Amino acid sequence: MINPSEVGKAGEMVRLKTLEAIWIQGKLRMCGRWSYIGGGSGGNMFNQL
């Protein structure tokens, strides 16, 4: 049998992992936006259209 305390710890780890993944995704999105604005590659693409 699995101890309830171990199950709780596992659930906590999963929750932390998901929060971490969401945080990292948010950071990457922000970095992507800033690189587009800073690099101007996105602007050039729209100008060509």
PDB file of N, CA and C in Angstrom:
ATOM      1  N   MET A   1       0.839  -1.211   0.000  1.00  0.00           N
ATOM      2  CA  MET A   1       0.000   0.000   0.000  1.00  0.00           C
ATOM      3  C   MET A   1       0.873   1.260   0.000  1.00  0.00           C
ATOM      4  N   ILE A   2       0.325   2.306  -0.548  1.00  0.00           N
ATOM      5  CA  ILE A   2       1.046   3.580  -0.594  1.00  0.00           C
ATOM      6  C   ILE A   2       0.584   4.445   0.570  1.00  0.00           C
ATOM      7  N   ASN A   3       1.532   5.048   1.246  1.00  0.00           N
ATOM      8  CA  ASN A   3       1.193   5.927   2.364  1.00  0.00           C
ATOM      9  C   ASN A   3       0.586   7.230   1.847  1.00  0.00           C
ATOM     10  N   PRO A   4      -0.446   7.730   2.515  1.00  0.00           N
ATOM     11  CA  PRO A   4      -1.072   8.993   2.080  1.00  0.00           C
ATOM     12  C   PRO A   4      -0.078  10.150   2.033  1.00  0.00           C
ATOM     13  N   SER A   5       0.895  10.145   2.950  1.00  0.00           N
ATOM     14  CA  SER A   5       1.877  11.239   2.977  1.00  0.00           C
ATOM     15  C   SER A   5       2.701  11.233   1.692  1.00  0.00           C
ATOM     16  N   GLU A   6       3.041  10.051   1.185  1.00  0.00           N
ATOM     17  CA  GLU A   6       3.817   9.952  -0.057  1.00  0.00           C
ATOM     18  C   GLU A   6       2.991  10.435  -1.242  1.00  0.00           C
ATOM     19  N   VAL A   7       1.705  10.089  -1.236  1.00  0.00           N
ATOM     20  CA  VAL A   7       0.821  10.530  -2.316  1.00  0.00           C
ATOM     21  C   VAL A   7       0.732  12.053  -2.312  1.00  0.00           C
ATOM     22  N   GLY A   8       0.631  12.634  -1.107  1.00  0.00           N
ATOM     23  CA  GLY A   8       0.567  14.090  -0.981  1.00  0.00           C
ATOM     24  C   GLY A   8       1.815  14.740  -1.539  1.00  0.00           C
ATOM     25  N   LYS A   9       2.967  14.168  -1.224  1.00  0.00           N
ATOM     26  CA  LYS A   9       4.232  14.719  -1.716  1.00  0.00           C
ATOM     27  C   LYS A   9       4.285  14.640  -3.241  1.00  0.00           C
ATOM     28  N   ALA A  10       3.841  13.525  -3.797  1.00  0.00           N
ATOM     29  CA  ALA A  10       3.860  13.356  -5.254  1.00  0.00           C
ATOM     30  C   ALA A  10       2.946  14.393  -5.904  1.00  0.00           C
ATOM     31  N   GLY A  11       1.759  14.582  -5.334  1.00  0.00           N
ATOM     32  CA  GLY A  11       0.823  15.568  -5.868  1.00  0.00           C
ATOM     33  C   GLY A  11       1.412  16.966  -5.821  1.00  0.00           C
ATOM     34  N   GLU A  12       2.119  17.257  -4.732  1.00  0.00           N
ATOM     35  CA  GLU A  12       2.754  18.568  -4.588  1.00  0.00           C
ATOM     36  C   GLU A  12       3.812  18.760  -5.663  1.00  0.00           C
ATOM     37  N   MET A  13       4.599  17.712  -5.906  1.00  0.00           N
ATOM     38  CA  MET A  13       5.651  17.791  -6.926  1.00  0.00           C
ATOM     39  C   MET A  13       5.038  18.051  -8.298  1.00  0.00           C
ATOM     40  N   VAL A  14       3.942  17.348  -8.604  1.00  0.00           N
ATOM     41  CA  VAL A  14       3.281  17.530  -9.903  1.00  0.00           C
ATOM     42  C   VAL A  14       2.794  18.966 -10.032  1.00  0.00           C
ATOM     43  N   ARG A  15       2.212  19.484  -8.940  1.00  0.00           N
ATOM     44  CA  ARG A  15       1.698  20.853  -8.969  1.00  0.00           C
ATOM     45  C   ARG A  15       2.833  21.849  -9.188  1.00  0.00           C
ATOM     46  N   LEU A  16       3.948  21.634  -8.513  1.00  0.00           N
ATOM     47  CA  LEU A  16       5.099  22.524  -8.676  1.00  0.00           C
ATOM     48  C   LEU A  16       5.623  22.467 -10.101  1.00  0.00           C
ATOM     49  N   LYS A  17       5.670  21.255 -10.661  1.00  0.00           N
ATOM     50  CA  LYS A  17       6.179  21.092 -12.037  1.00  0.00           C
ATOM     51  C   LYS A  17       5.290  21.846 -13.016  1.00  0.00           C
ATOM     52  N   THR A  18       3.963  21.737 -12.845  1.00  0.00           N
ATOM     53  CA  THR A  18       3.057  22.407 -13.777  1.00  0.00           C
ATOM     54  C   THR A  18       3.181  23.921 -13.634  1.00  0.00           C
ATOM     55  N   LEU A  19       3.273  24.405 -12.388  1.00  0.00           N
ATOM     56  CA  LEU A  19       3.434  25.843 -12.177  1.00  0.00           C
ATOM     57  C   LEU A  19       4.725  26.323 -12.812  1.00  0.00           C
ATOM     58  N   GLU A  20       5.788  25.542 -12.648  1.00  0.00           N
ATOM     59  CA  GLU A  20       7.089  25.896 -13.216  1.00  0.00           C
ATOM     60  C   GLU A  20       6.997  25.943 -14.739  1.00  0.00           C
ATOM     61  N   ALA A  21       6.316  24.958 -15.332  1.00  0.00           N
ATOM     62  CA  ALA A  21       6.182  24.903 -16.792  1.00  0.00           C
ATOM     63  C   ALA A  21       5.410  26.126 -17.290  1.00  0.00           C
ATOM     64  N   ILE A  22       4.332  26.478 -16.593  1.00  0.00           N
ATOM     65  CA  ILE A  22       3.530  27.640 -16.987  1.00  0.00           C
ATOM     66  C   ILE A  22       4.374  28.904 -16.898  1.00  0.00           C
ATOM     67  N   TRP A  23       5.169  29.014 -15.816  1.00  0.00           N
ATOM     68  CA  TRP A  23       6.013  30.199 -15.610  1.00  0.00           C
ATOM     69  C   TRP A  23       7.051  30.314 -16.718  1.00  0.00           C
ATOM     70  N   ILE A  24       7.673  29.181 -17.056  1.00  0.00           N
ATOM     71  CA  ILE A  24       8.694  29.174 -18.114  1.00  0.00           C
ATOM     72  C   ILE A  24       8.066  29.555 -19.452  1.00  0.00           C
ATOM     73  N   GLN A  25       6.878  29.013 -19.737  1.00  0.00           N
ATOM     74  CA  GLN A  25       6.195  29.344 -20.993  1.00  0.00           C
ATOM     75  C   GLN A  25       5.904  30.836 -21.058  1.00  0.00           C
ATOM     76  N   GLY A  26       5.462  31.400 -19.935  1.00  0.00           N
ATOM     77  CA  GLY A  26       5.190  32.836 -19.883  1.00  0.00           C
ATOM     78  C   GLY A  26       6.446  33.641 -20.157  1.00  0.00           C
ATOM     79  N   LYS A  27       7.558  33.222 -19.553  1.00  0.00           N
ATOM     80  CA  LYS A  27       8.836  33.909 -19.762  1.00  0.00           C
ATOM     81  C   LYS A  27       9.233  33.851 -21.230  1.00  0.00           C
ATOM     82  N   LEU A  28       9.096  32.668 -21.843  1.00  0.00           N
ATOM     83  CA  LEU A  28       9.484  32.510 -23.245  1.00  0.00           C
ATOM     84  C   LEU A  28       8.619  33.384 -24.139  1.00  0.00           C
ATOM     85  N   ARG A  29       7.320  33.467 -23.825  1.00  0.00           N
ATOM     86  CA  ARG A  29       6.427  34.304 -24.628  1.00  0.00           C
ATOM     87  C   ARG A  29       6.848  35.761 -24.533  1.00  0.00           C
ATOM     88  N   MET A  30       7.172  36.207 -23.315  1.00  0.00           N
ATOM     89  CA  MET A  30       7.608  37.590 -23.127  1.00  0.00           C
ATOM     90  C   MET A  30       8.892  37.848 -23.902  1.00  0.00           C
ATOM     91  N   CYS A  31       9.836  36.934 -23.800  1.00  0.00           N
ATOM     92  CA  CYS A  31      11.118  37.083 -24.508  1.00  0.00           C
ATOM     93  C   CYS A  31      10.868  37.116 -26.015  1.00  0.00           C
ATOM     94  N   GLY A  32       9.969  36.277 -26.496  1.00  0.00           N
ATOM     95  CA  GLY A  32       9.656  36.250 -27.921  1.00  0.00           C
ATOM     96  C   GLY A  32       9.095  37.582 -28.384  1.00  0.00           C
ATOM     97  N   ARG A  33       8.196  38.156 -27.591  1.00  0.00           N
ATOM     98  CA  ARG A  33       7.603  39.444 -27.949  1.00  0.00           C
ATOM     99  C   ARG A  33       8.672  40.521 -27.995  1.00  0.00           C
ATOM    100  N   TRP A  34       9.527  40.533 -26.974  1.00  0.00           N
ATOM    101  CA  TRP A  34      10.557  41.578 -26.916  1.00  0.00           C
ATOM    102  C   TRP A  34      11.538  41.425 -28.067  1.00  0.00           C
ATOM    103  N   SER A  35      11.875  40.187 -28.421  1.00  0.00           N
ATOM    104  CA  SER A  35      12.829  39.983 -29.520  1.00  0.00           C
ATOM    105  C   SER A  35      12.197  40.435 -30.843  1.00  0.00           C
ATOM    106  N   TYR A  36      10.885  40.185 -30.990  1.00  0.00           N
ATOM    107  CA  TYR A  36      10.206  40.642 -32.209  1.00  0.00           C
ATOM    108  C   TYR A  36      10.228  42.167 -32.281  1.00  0.00           C
ATOM    109  N   ILE A  37       9.915  42.812 -31.153  1.00  0.00           N
ATOM    110  CA  ILE A  37       9.876  44.276 -31.122  1.00  0.00           C
ATOM    111  C   ILE A  37      11.289  44.830 -31.325  1.00  0.00           C
ATOM    112  N   GLY A  38      12.257  44.255 -30.606  1.00  0.00           N
ATOM    113  CA  GLY A  38      13.636  44.746 -30.673  1.00  0.00           C
ATOM    114  C   GLY A  38      14.273  44.458 -32.024  1.00  0.00           C
ATOM    115  N   GLY A  39      14.087  43.244 -32.523  1.00  0.00           N
ATOM    116  CA  GLY A  39      14.728  42.856 -33.781  1.00  0.00           C
ATOM    117  C   GLY A  39      14.065  43.482 -34.993  1.00  0.00           C
ATOM    118  N   GLY A  40      12.760  43.750 -34.903  1.00  0.00           N
ATOM    119  CA  GLY A  40      12.058  44.347 -36.027  1.00  0.00           C
ATOM    120  C   GLY A  40      11.739  43.332 -37.116  1.00  0.00           C
ATOM    121  N   SER A  41      12.034  42.059 -36.899  1.00  0.00           N
ATOM    122  CA  SER A  41      11.762  41.053 -37.927  1.00  0.00           C
ATOM    123  C   SER A  41      10.252  40.937 -38.154  1.00  0.00           C
ATOM    124  N   GLY A  42       9.471  41.016 -37.070  1.00  0.00           N
ATOM    125  CA  GLY A  42       8.021  40.938 -37.204  1.00  0.00           C
ATOM    126  C   GLY A  42       7.492  42.121 -37.991  1.00  0.00           C
ATOM    127  N   GLY A  43       8.034  43.317 -37.731  1.00  0.00           N
ATOM    128  CA  GLY A  43       7.604  44.514 -38.449  1.00  0.00           C
ATOM    129  C   GLY A  43       7.910  44.400 -39.931  1.00  0.00           C
ATOM    130  N   ASN A  44       9.087  43.906 -40.263  1.00  0.00           N
ATOM    131  CA  ASN A  44       9.472  43.761 -41.668  1.00  0.00           C
ATOM    132  C   ASN A  44       8.540  42.792 -42.382  1.00  0.00           C
ATOM    133  N   MET A  45       8.169  41.725 -41.687  1.00  0.00           N
ATOM    134  CA  MET A  45       7.287  40.725 -42.270  1.00  0.00           C
ATOM    135  C   MET A  45       5.941  41.377 -42.623  1.00  0.00           C
ATOM    136  N   PHE A  46       5.416  42.189 -41.699  1.00  0.00           N
ATOM    137  CA  PHE A  46       4.131  42.833 -41.948  1.00  0.00           C
ATOM    138  C   PHE A  46       4.245  43.875 -43.060  1.00  0.00           C
ATOM    139  N   ASN A  47       5.374  44.552 -43.120  1.00  0.00           N
ATOM    140  CA  ASN A  47       5.558  45.572 -44.161  1.00  0.00           C
ATOM    141  C   ASN A  47       5.577  44.931 -45.549  1.00  0.00           C
ATOM    142  N   GLN A  48       6.143  43.735 -45.648  1.00  0.00           N
ATOM    143  CA  GLN A  48       6.198  43.052 -46.942  1.00  0.00           C
ATOM    144  C   GLN A  48       4.798  42.683 -47.414  1.00  0.00           C
ATOM    145  N   LEU A  49       3.898  42.359 -46.497  1.00  0.00           N
ATOM    146  CA  LEU A  49       2.521  42.033 -46.868  1.00  0.00           C
ATOM    147  C   LEU A  49       1.840  43.305 -47.346  1.00  0.00           C
TER     148      LEU A  49
END
